[in-house]
Amino acid sequence: MKPLFVSFALCGALAAPAFAEGDPTRRGTRLEPLVLDAAQGFSQRRFELETGVYYRWRIESDGLEEYKLVAPEFFREIWVDQVVVEDKEVKPYGLHAVEFDDAGTIDVWFVPIRPGTYEFYVVGLEELGFRGEFVVR
């Protein structure tokens, strides 16, 4: 019995560092911030991502318009770890949209699951430069 216990203990001790190093949520890859600017539209119109990589997407609003940013297909094909608004964390099951009524910042922490090209846009302002895409490989 003792040799069996020692074997399990040794396996657990050797495996623990491997799990710690392989945790994709330990440090997120920071994407270029997406600035929503009433005069210019999106500051970024294309993001290239890899499946299985943990990202932080910062979205900043100038507050000059109300913005409802949607990415329906993209939000269905990612795992959302958390959404941070004014240093308050929300742990959602999924997302439909993020909306700004005033100036501010929202951080979305996520992992893309499925490759593809996915649109994101601000409802009603697509023709004014508020349309972009995620390309997930």
Protein backbone atom coordinates (compact mmCIF):
# COMPACT_ATOMS: atom_id res chain seq x y z
CA MET A 1 0.00 0.00 0.00
CA LYS A 2 2.82 2.37 0.89
CA PRO A 3 4.58 1.99 -2.52
CA LEU A 4 1.27 2.75 -4.27
CA PHE A 5 0.77 5.93 -2.22
CA VAL A 6 4.35 7.05 -2.91
CA SER A 7 3.82 6.46 -6.64
CA PHE A 8 0.66 8.60 -6.69
CA ALA A 9 2.31 11.33 -4.62
CA LEU A 10 5.31 11.39 -6.94
CA CYS A 11 3.09 11.57 -10.05
CA GLY A 12 1.13 14.45 -8.54
CA ALA A 13 4.30 16.34 -7.58
CA LEU A 14 5.77 15.97 -11.06
CA ALA A 15 2.54 16.92 -12.83
CA ALA A 16 1.78 20.07 -10.80
CA PRO A 17 4.43 22.30 -12.47
CA ALA A 18 3.29 21.14 -15.90
CA PHE A 19 -0.29 22.16 -15.17
CA ALA A 20 0.81 25.56 -13.83
CA GLU A 21 2.93 26.30 -16.91
CA GLY A 22 0.20 25.18 -19.31
CA ASP A 23 -2.60 27.31 -17.84
CA PRO A 24 -3.55 29.63 -20.72
CA THR A 25 -5.36 32.06 -18.38
CA ARG A 26 -2.24 32.90 -16.35
CA ARG A 27 -1.39 35.87 -18.60
CA GLY A 28 -3.53 37.21 -21.42
CA THR A 29 -2.13 38.36 -24.75
CA ARG A 30 -3.14 42.01 -25.04
CA LEU A 31 -4.75 43.01 -28.29
CA GLU A 32 -4.45 46.56 -29.60
CA PRO A 33 -7.21 48.56 -27.91
CA LEU A 34 -10.34 49.14 -29.97
CA VAL A 35 -11.21 52.83 -29.68
CA LEU A 36 -14.76 53.86 -30.60
CA ASP A 37 -14.40 57.40 -31.95
CA ALA A 38 -17.46 59.26 -33.22
CA ALA A 39 -15.39 61.10 -35.86
CA GLN A 40 -13.20 58.20 -37.04
CA GLY A 41 -15.10 54.97 -36.36
CA PHE A 42 -13.05 52.02 -35.09
CA SER A 43 -9.34 52.51 -34.46
CA GLN A 44 -8.77 48.86 -35.48
CA ARG A 45 -10.77 47.07 -38.14
CA ARG A 46 -9.04 43.69 -38.12
CA PHE A 47 -7.73 41.43 -35.39
CA GLU A 48 -5.82 38.23 -36.14
CA LEU A 49 -6.11 35.58 -33.42
CA GLU A 50 -5.20 31.96 -32.76
CA THR A 51 -7.46 29.33 -31.27
CA GLY A 52 -6.57 28.30 -27.74
CA VAL A 53 -4.75 31.56 -26.89
CA TYR A 54 -5.97 33.71 -23.97
CA TYR A 55 -6.58 37.35 -24.98
CA ARG A 56 -7.48 40.63 -23.35
CA TRP A 57 -9.49 42.92 -25.65
CA ARG A 58 -9.76 46.49 -24.36
CA ILE A 59 -12.61 48.54 -25.83
CA GLU A 60 -12.58 52.29 -25.19
CA SER A 61 -15.42 54.71 -25.91
CA ASP A 62 -15.07 58.45 -26.47
CA GLY A 63 -18.56 58.92 -25.00
CA LEU A 64 -19.81 61.14 -27.83
CA GLU A 65 -22.31 58.51 -28.99
CA GLU A 66 -24.10 55.55 -27.50
CA TYR A 67 -22.41 52.45 -28.89
CA LYS A 68 -23.79 48.91 -28.91
CA LEU A 69 -20.94 46.72 -30.09
CA VAL A 70 -22.02 43.29 -31.27
CA ALA A 71 -20.14 40.28 -32.64
CA PRO A 72 -22.83 37.58 -32.70
CA GLU A 73 -20.95 34.72 -34.36
CA PHE A 74 -17.64 35.57 -32.69
CA PHE A 75 -19.16 35.71 -29.20
CA ARG A 76 -20.65 32.24 -29.80
CA GLU A 77 -17.26 30.80 -30.80
CA ILE A 78 -15.20 32.01 -27.82
CA TRP A 79 -14.93 31.10 -24.17
CA VAL A 80 -15.37 34.29 -22.14
CA ASP A 81 -13.42 34.23 -18.89
CA GLN A 82 -14.42 37.65 -17.64
CA VAL A 83 -15.57 41.13 -18.57
CA VAL A 84 -14.07 43.98 -16.54
CA VAL A 85 -15.88 47.32 -16.25
CA GLU A 86 -14.36 49.97 -13.95
CA ASP A 87 -12.31 47.34 -12.07
CA LYS A 88 -15.40 45.23 -11.46
CA GLU A 89 -15.34 41.71 -12.89
CA VAL A 90 -18.29 39.91 -14.43
CA LYS A 91 -17.99 36.17 -15.12
CA PRO A 92 -20.59 35.66 -17.87
CA TYR A 93 -21.66 32.43 -19.49
CA GLY A 94 -21.42 34.23 -22.83
CA LEU A 95 -21.89 37.62 -24.48
CA HIS A 96 -24.35 39.14 -26.90
CA ALA A 97 -23.07 42.73 -26.91
CA VAL A 98 -21.21 45.36 -24.92
CA GLU A 99 -22.77 48.79 -24.74
CA PHE A 100 -21.44 52.23 -23.85
CA ASP A 101 -23.71 55.08 -22.80
CA ASP A 102 -20.77 57.27 -21.71
CA ALA A 103 -17.00 57.41 -22.08
CA GLY A 104 -15.27 54.43 -20.53
CA THR A 105 -13.39 51.18 -20.93
CA ILE A 106 -14.46 47.54 -21.02
CA ASP A 107 -11.97 44.65 -21.02
CA VAL A 108 -13.07 41.28 -22.40
CA TRP A 109 -10.84 38.30 -21.47
CA PHE A 110 -11.45 35.33 -23.78
CA VAL A 111 -10.12 32.29 -25.65
CA PRO A 112 -11.16 31.70 -29.31
CA ILE A 113 -12.42 28.15 -29.81
CA ARG A 114 -13.16 27.79 -33.53
CA PRO A 115 -11.26 29.15 -36.57
CA GLY A 116 -13.09 31.46 -38.95
CA THR A 117 -13.71 35.07 -39.91
CA TYR A 118 -16.17 36.91 -37.69
CA GLU A 119 -17.66 40.40 -37.98
CA PHE A 120 -18.01 42.93 -35.19
CA TYR A 121 -19.84 46.23 -35.55
CA VAL A 122 -21.77 48.97 -33.79
CA VAL A 123 -25.48 48.65 -34.44
CA GLY A 124 -26.69 51.45 -36.72
CA LEU A 125 -23.21 52.90 -37.36
CA GLU A 126 -21.76 50.23 -39.65
CA GLU A 127 -21.49 52.58 -42.65
CA LEU A 128 -19.64 55.21 -40.60
CA GLY A 129 -16.53 53.11 -40.00
CA PHE A 130 -17.86 50.98 -37.16
CA ARG A 131 -17.33 47.58 -38.76
CA GLY A 132 -14.43 45.18 -38.36
CA GLU A 133 -13.49 41.51 -38.31
CA PHE A 134 -11.72 38.89 -36.27
CA VAL A 135 -9.73 36.33 -38.23
CA VAL A 136 -9.19 33.26 -36.06
CA ARG A 137 -6.68 30.65 -37.22
